[in-house]
């Protein structure tokens, strides 16, 4: 019985400590305003394989639960140039990306 309890606590601790996330804030490069609804794609490092994704919320923040590892992150929004950040490392616990600033796509007709 004692061994079962010890093993159970070990599994619980392993689960708690293995929870990781990738988070950040998407803003406009010129104005600093938050970009709502930006698309965030997470790729297997050095690959075109998408492993997760989501959108920024009403204040430009996003948070994606991820397994520890190395990923490439691409952020895009209508009217802006996409931005790709390579080799983002997610560690056990939490990774916070710095503010991701997107540049306005000035398309002249």
Protein backbone atom coordinates (compact mmCIF):
# COMPACT_ATOMS: atom_id res chain seq x y z
CA UNK A 1 0.00 0.00 0.00
CA UNK A 2 2.82 2.39 0.90
CA UNK A 3 4.49 1.77 -2.49
CA UNK A 4 1.25 2.51 -4.31
CA UNK A 5 0.90 5.86 -2.51
CA UNK A 6 4.50 6.81 -3.23
CA UNK A 7 4.05 5.89 -6.90
CA UNK A 8 0.80 7.89 -7.04
CA UNK A 9 2.48 11.00 -5.61
CA UNK A 10 5.33 10.55 -8.10
CA UNK A 11 2.89 10.49 -11.03
CA UNK A 12 1.04 13.53 -9.70
CA UNK A 13 4.29 15.48 -9.27
CA UNK A 14 5.44 14.45 -12.75
CA UNK A 15 2.18 15.71 -14.26
CA UNK A 16 2.30 19.04 -12.40
CA UNK A 17 5.94 19.72 -13.31
CA UNK A 18 5.56 18.70 -16.95
CA UNK A 19 2.90 21.30 -17.70
CA UNK A 20 4.37 23.89 -20.02
CA UNK A 21 2.96 26.67 -22.12
CA UNK A 22 3.96 29.07 -24.82
CA UNK A 23 2.62 32.58 -24.33
CA UNK A 24 3.10 36.09 -25.61
CA UNK A 25 1.52 39.37 -26.66
CA UNK A 26 0.96 40.51 -30.26
CA UNK A 27 1.20 44.26 -30.92
CA UNK A 28 1.43 46.74 -33.79
CA UNK A 29 5.06 47.75 -34.41
CA UNK A 30 4.28 51.44 -35.04
CA UNK A 31 1.53 52.17 -32.52
CA UNK A 32 2.11 49.54 -29.82
CA UNK A 33 -1.61 48.71 -29.85
CA UNK A 34 -2.64 45.13 -29.14
CA UNK A 35 -3.63 43.04 -32.16
CA UNK A 36 -6.78 41.07 -31.44
CA UNK A 37 -7.39 37.77 -33.22
CA UNK A 38 -3.86 37.31 -34.58
CA UNK A 39 -3.20 33.74 -35.72
CA UNK A 40 -0.43 31.91 -33.87
CA UNK A 41 0.96 28.72 -35.44
CA UNK A 42 3.50 26.50 -33.72
CA UNK A 43 5.66 24.28 -35.93
CA UNK A 44 7.95 21.39 -35.16
CA UNK A 45 11.40 23.02 -35.25
CA UNK A 46 12.87 23.29 -38.77
CA UNK A 47 9.73 21.78 -40.26
CA UNK A 48 6.47 22.71 -41.98
CA UNK A 49 4.56 20.41 -39.60
CA UNK A 50 2.08 22.41 -37.48
CA UNK A 51 1.88 20.99 -33.94
CA UNK A 52 -0.46 23.55 -32.36
CA UNK A 53 -2.04 26.93 -32.89
CA UNK A 54 -4.48 29.50 -31.65
CA UNK A 55 -5.41 33.17 -31.65
CA UNK A 56 -4.55 36.23 -29.61
CA UNK A 57 -7.34 37.40 -27.30
CA UNK A 58 -8.97 40.84 -26.94
CA UNK A 59 -5.78 42.32 -25.42
CA UNK A 60 -3.38 40.63 -27.86
CA UNK A 61 -2.33 37.83 -25.48
CA UNK A 62 -2.10 34.16 -26.38
CA UNK A 63 -1.27 31.06 -24.36
CA UNK A 64 -0.88 27.56 -25.75
CA UNK A 65 -0.25 24.44 -23.65
CA UNK A 66 2.85 22.74 -25.07
CA UNK A 67 5.16 19.86 -24.31
CA UNK A 68 8.75 20.87 -23.55
CA UNK A 69 10.81 21.11 -26.73
CA UNK A 70 12.02 23.45 -29.46
CA UNK A 71 9.50 25.00 -31.83
CA UNK A 72 9.18 27.63 -34.54
CA UNK A 73 6.37 30.15 -34.06
CA UNK A 74 4.60 32.13 -36.79
CA UNK A 75 2.24 35.01 -36.02
CA UNK A 76 0.02 36.67 -38.63
CA UNK A 77 -2.93 39.04 -38.80
CA UNK A 78 -4.87 40.62 -41.67
CA UNK A 79 -3.19 43.82 -42.84
CA UNK A 80 0.19 42.89 -41.28
CA UNK A 81 3.35 41.12 -42.41
CA UNK A 82 3.72 37.68 -40.83
CA UNK A 83 6.53 37.16 -38.37
CA UNK A 84 8.33 33.88 -37.74
CA UNK A 85 10.47 33.20 -34.68
CA UNK A 86 12.70 30.14 -34.96
CA UNK A 87 14.05 27.88 -32.22
CA UNK A 88 11.74 28.90 -29.38
CA UNK A 89 12.52 26.65 -26.43
CA UNK A 90 9.70 25.54 -24.17
CA UNK A 91 10.93 24.29 -20.82
CA UNK A 92 9.16 22.45 -18.04
CA UNK A 93 6.98 25.09 -16.39
CA UNK A 94 6.35 28.03 -18.72
CA UNK A 95 7.91 29.96 -21.59
CA UNK A 96 7.02 33.60 -22.13
CA UNK A 97 7.79 35.07 -25.52
CA UNK A 98 8.54 38.72 -25.59
CA UNK A 99 6.09 41.05 -27.23
CA UNK A 100 5.69 40.06 -30.88
CA UNK A 101 5.49 43.21 -32.99
CA UNK A 102 3.90 42.97 -36.41
CA UNK A 103 4.55 45.53 -39.14
CA UNK A 104 1.66 46.96 -41.16
CA UNK A 105 1.52 45.65 -44.72
CA UNK A 106 1.37 48.83 -46.81
CA UNK A 107 0.08 47.52 -50.12
CA UNK A 108 -0.16 50.32 -52.63
CA UNK A 109 -2.40 49.76 -55.63
